[in-house]
């Protein structure tokens, strides 16, 4: 059985991961949100990461050794450690984490083959890396944690010119006001491009 490719993002209500200054402190999940993220990511066998996302995530490699972690933070650290990581970077020379390899280019066909051979789901992290995967119809599911805030602009969760046909799988309301959404990707269309049913259709 092939693995699915999942794109997840923690965003503002107007669809941004960070505001125009690059700030994203407003997106830090509370305990309930962190537990949800761990629940979502527990099934991932492999993370596909850009350099920046990887460097921000390295913290979790040794976070479990810190006594001040909450139970839900410790659980997420375990989730991170259990998965393989592929880091896409032209400049990174080495990695600080186990079960990690570097690739210089995000090759759509190589990722398609990775999906076909996988026995667990894969996750693509960050909008820049997700863009070619979405455009190629490789993403099977989109997961969004929408925060009750608008920021007016910044780093968008989805690329311009891309149209996705989505089917709602789950909607969950968190006590702090965030809303968790899971969508199946039923089809993809880029501006001027040919519609695709995607791998998950």
Protein backbone atom coordinates (compact mmCIF):
# COMPACT_ATOMS: atom_id res chain seq x y z
CA UNK A 1 0.00 0.00 0.00
CA UNK A 2 1.41 3.37 -1.05
CA UNK A 3 1.81 6.23 1.38
CA UNK A 4 -0.17 9.44 1.12
CA UNK A 5 1.45 12.87 0.90
CA UNK A 6 -0.04 15.36 3.35
CA UNK A 7 0.44 19.12 3.48
CA UNK A 8 -0.35 20.70 6.83
CA UNK A 9 -0.07 24.31 7.91
CA UNK A 10 -0.85 26.45 10.95
CA UNK A 11 -2.29 29.67 9.54
CA UNK A 12 -4.13 32.88 10.27
CA UNK A 13 -7.79 33.06 9.32
CA UNK A 14 -6.80 34.89 6.14
CA UNK A 15 -4.41 32.14 5.10
CA UNK A 16 -0.90 33.23 6.15
CA UNK A 17 1.78 31.30 8.02
CA UNK A 18 3.65 34.49 8.93
CA UNK A 19 2.86 38.19 8.63
CA UNK A 20 4.66 40.66 6.36
CA UNK A 21 7.44 41.16 8.93
CA UNK A 22 8.00 37.40 9.14
CA UNK A 23 6.49 37.14 12.62
CA UNK A 24 4.42 34.08 13.45
CA UNK A 25 4.28 34.03 17.25
CA UNK A 26 0.50 34.20 17.02
CA UNK A 27 0.50 30.74 15.41
CA UNK A 28 2.08 28.87 18.35
CA UNK A 29 -0.47 26.19 19.30
CA UNK A 30 -1.76 25.88 22.85
CA UNK A 31 -1.79 22.53 24.66
CA UNK A 32 -4.89 21.34 22.82
CA UNK A 33 -3.47 22.46 19.49
CA UNK A 34 -0.14 20.77 20.15
CA UNK A 35 -1.93 17.53 21.05
CA UNK A 36 -3.83 17.75 17.77
CA UNK A 37 -0.63 18.28 15.78
CA UNK A 38 0.90 15.20 17.44
CA UNK A 39 -2.24 13.22 16.63
CA UNK A 40 -2.04 14.27 12.99
CA UNK A 41 1.68 13.64 12.64
CA UNK A 42 1.95 10.36 14.52
CA UNK A 43 1.22 8.45 11.31
CA UNK A 44 3.98 10.16 9.31
CA UNK A 45 6.88 7.98 8.31
CA UNK A 46 8.79 10.74 6.53
CA UNK A 47 8.97 14.54 6.69
CA UNK A 48 9.89 16.45 3.52
CA UNK A 49 11.41 19.74 4.69
CA UNK A 50 13.01 22.84 3.27
CA UNK A 51 16.12 24.20 4.96
CA UNK A 52 14.37 26.85 7.04
CA UNK A 53 11.66 24.52 8.26
CA UNK A 54 14.30 21.92 9.10
CA UNK A 55 16.44 24.38 11.05
CA UNK A 56 13.41 25.47 13.07
CA UNK A 57 12.46 21.84 13.75
CA UNK A 58 15.92 20.66 14.89
CA UNK A 59 14.95 21.80 18.40
CA UNK A 60 12.76 18.71 18.75
CA UNK A 61 15.69 16.34 18.24
CA UNK A 62 16.88 16.88 21.83
CA UNK A 63 13.83 18.56 23.34
CA UNK A 64 12.74 15.32 25.00
CA UNK A 65 15.78 15.51 27.27
CA UNK A 66 14.52 18.73 28.87
CA UNK A 67 12.67 18.41 32.14
CA UNK A 68 10.54 21.53 31.56
CA UNK A 69 8.65 20.07 28.59
CA UNK A 70 4.93 19.54 29.05
CA UNK A 71 3.52 16.05 28.35
CA UNK A 72 2.11 17.15 24.98
CA UNK A 73 5.43 18.72 23.98
CA UNK A 74 7.25 15.54 24.96
CA UNK A 75 4.79 13.54 22.89
CA UNK A 76 5.49 15.71 19.85
CA UNK A 77 9.25 15.28 20.36
CA UNK A 78 8.71 11.51 20.24
CA UNK A 79 6.71 11.89 17.02
CA UNK A 80 9.55 13.90 15.45
CA UNK A 81 12.21 11.38 16.46
CA UNK A 82 10.23 8.44 15.08
CA UNK A 83 10.10 9.76 11.50
CA UNK A 84 12.65 9.93 8.69
CA UNK A 85 13.50 13.38 7.32
CA UNK A 86 14.44 14.51 3.83
CA UNK A 87 15.83 18.07 3.73
CA UNK A 88 15.83 19.92 0.41
CA UNK A 89 18.62 22.48 0.30
CA UNK A 90 21.27 23.69 -2.13
CA UNK A 91 23.40 25.17 0.67
CA UNK A 92 23.16 22.84 3.65
CA UNK A 93 26.29 20.70 3.98
CA UNK A 94 25.35 18.53 6.95
CA UNK A 95 22.46 17.71 9.25
CA UNK A 96 22.26 17.51 13.04
CA UNK A 97 19.50 14.93 13.28
CA UNK A 98 19.24 11.17 12.98
CA UNK A 99 17.35 9.46 10.15
CA UNK A 100 17.95 12.48 7.91
CA UNK A 101 19.32 12.94 4.40
CA UNK A 102 19.86 15.97 2.17
CA UNK A 103 18.54 16.33 -1.39
CA UNK A 104 19.63 19.26 -3.55
CA UNK A 105 16.44 19.54 -5.62
CA UNK A 106 12.76 18.77 -5.04
CA UNK A 107 12.20 16.28 -7.85
CA UNK A 108 8.49 15.67 -8.38
CA UNK A 109 8.98 12.25 -9.95
CA UNK A 110 11.35 11.16 -7.19
CA UNK A 111 8.73 12.14 -4.60
CA UNK A 112 6.08 10.27 -6.59
CA UNK A 113 8.28 7.17 -6.45
CA UNK A 114 8.89 7.73 -2.73
CA UNK A 115 5.12 7.75 -2.17
CA UNK A 116 4.68 4.55 -4.17
CA UNK A 117 7.30 2.75 -2.09
CA UNK A 118 6.25 4.14 1.31
CA UNK A 119 4.50 2.06 3.94
CA UNK A 120 3.47 5.13 5.96
CA UNK A 121 2.27 8.63 5.12
CA UNK A 122 4.66 11.42 4.14
CA UNK A 123 4.37 15.08 5.12
CA UNK A 124 5.53 18.07 3.10
CA UNK A 125 6.20 21.09 5.30
CA UNK A 126 6.33 24.75 4.33
CA UNK A 127 4.53 26.52 1.47
CA UNK A 128 7.59 26.90 -0.77
CA UNK A 129 8.27 23.18 -0.81
CA UNK A 130 4.58 22.30 -0.92
CA UNK A 131 3.94 24.45 -4.02
CA UNK A 132 5.44 22.11 -6.65
CA UNK A 133 3.96 19.07 -4.90
CA UNK A 134 0.50 20.66 -4.93
CA UNK A 135 0.83 21.79 -8.56
CA UNK A 136 1.88 18.29 -9.64
CA UNK A 137 -1.12 16.69 -7.94
CA UNK A 138 1.09 14.80 -5.49
CA UNK A 139 -0.66 16.00 -2.33
CA UNK A 140 -3.49 13.73 -1.19
CA UNK A 141 -4.66 15.66 1.84
CA UNK A 142 -4.46 19.21 3.20
CA UNK A 143 -4.62 19.83 6.95
CA UNK A 144 -5.07 23.34 8.31
CA UNK A 145 -5.12 24.69 11.84
CA UNK A 146 -6.77 28.11 11.47
CA UNK A 147 -6.04 30.63 14.22
CA UNK A 148 -8.61 33.28 15.22
CA UNK A 149 -6.50 36.17 13.91
CA UNK A 150 -5.99 37.97 10.60
CA UNK A 151 -2.61 39.45 9.66
CA UNK A 152 -3.38 41.16 6.34
CA UNK A 153 -0.54 39.69 4.29
CA UNK A 154 2.73 37.81 4.48
CA UNK A 155 3.74 34.22 3.73
CA UNK A 156 0.72 32.56 2.15
CA UNK A 157 -0.09 28.92 2.79
CA UNK A 158 -0.89 28.31 -0.88
CA UNK A 159 0.80 29.54 -4.08
CA UNK A 160 -0.84 32.12 -6.32
CA UNK A 161 -2.58 30.76 -9.40
CA UNK A 162 -3.28 27.33 -7.96
CA UNK A 163 -6.84 26.07 -7.69
CA UNK A 164 -7.58 23.02 -5.56
CA UNK A 165 -10.83 21.06 -5.52
CA UNK A 166 -11.19 19.86 -1.94
CA UNK A 167 -13.52 17.54 -0.07
CA UNK A 168 -14.01 18.08 3.65
CA UNK A 169 -12.91 15.09 5.74
CA UNK A 170 -13.03 16.57 9.23
CA UNK A 171 -13.79 19.82 11.04
CA UNK A 172 -12.83 20.24 14.67
CA UNK A 173 -13.30 23.30 16.89
CA UNK A 174 -10.69 23.87 19.61
CA UNK A 175 -11.49 25.56 22.89
CA UNK A 176 -9.09 28.44 22.22
CA UNK A 177 -10.96 29.42 19.06
CA UNK A 178 -8.80 27.67 16.45
CA UNK A 179 -10.45 25.42 13.88
CA UNK A 180 -8.80 22.25 12.56
CA UNK A 181 -9.72 21.21 9.02
CA UNK A 182 -8.82 18.16 6.97
CA UNK A 183 -9.50 18.08 3.23
CA UNK A 184 -8.99 15.44 0.56
CA UNK A 185 -7.48 16.87 -2.61
CA UNK A 186 -9.93 15.93 -5.36
CA UNK A 187 -8.26 17.87 -8.15
CA UNK A 188 -5.69 20.54 -9.02
CA UNK A 189 -5.59 23.28 -11.64
CA UNK A 190 -2.88 25.88 -12.17
CA UNK A 191 -3.40 29.10 -14.13
CA UNK A 192 -3.01 28.23 -17.77
CA UNK A 193 -2.48 24.58 -16.86
CA UNK A 194 -4.32 21.35 -17.37
CA UNK A 195 -6.58 20.09 -14.59
CA UNK A 196 -5.32 17.04 -12.71
CA UNK A 197 -7.20 14.56 -10.56
CA UNK A 198 -4.17 14.19 -8.30
CA UNK A 199 -2.70 11.01 -6.87
CA UNK A 200 -5.36 10.82 -4.18
CA UNK A 201 -8.44 10.91 -6.42
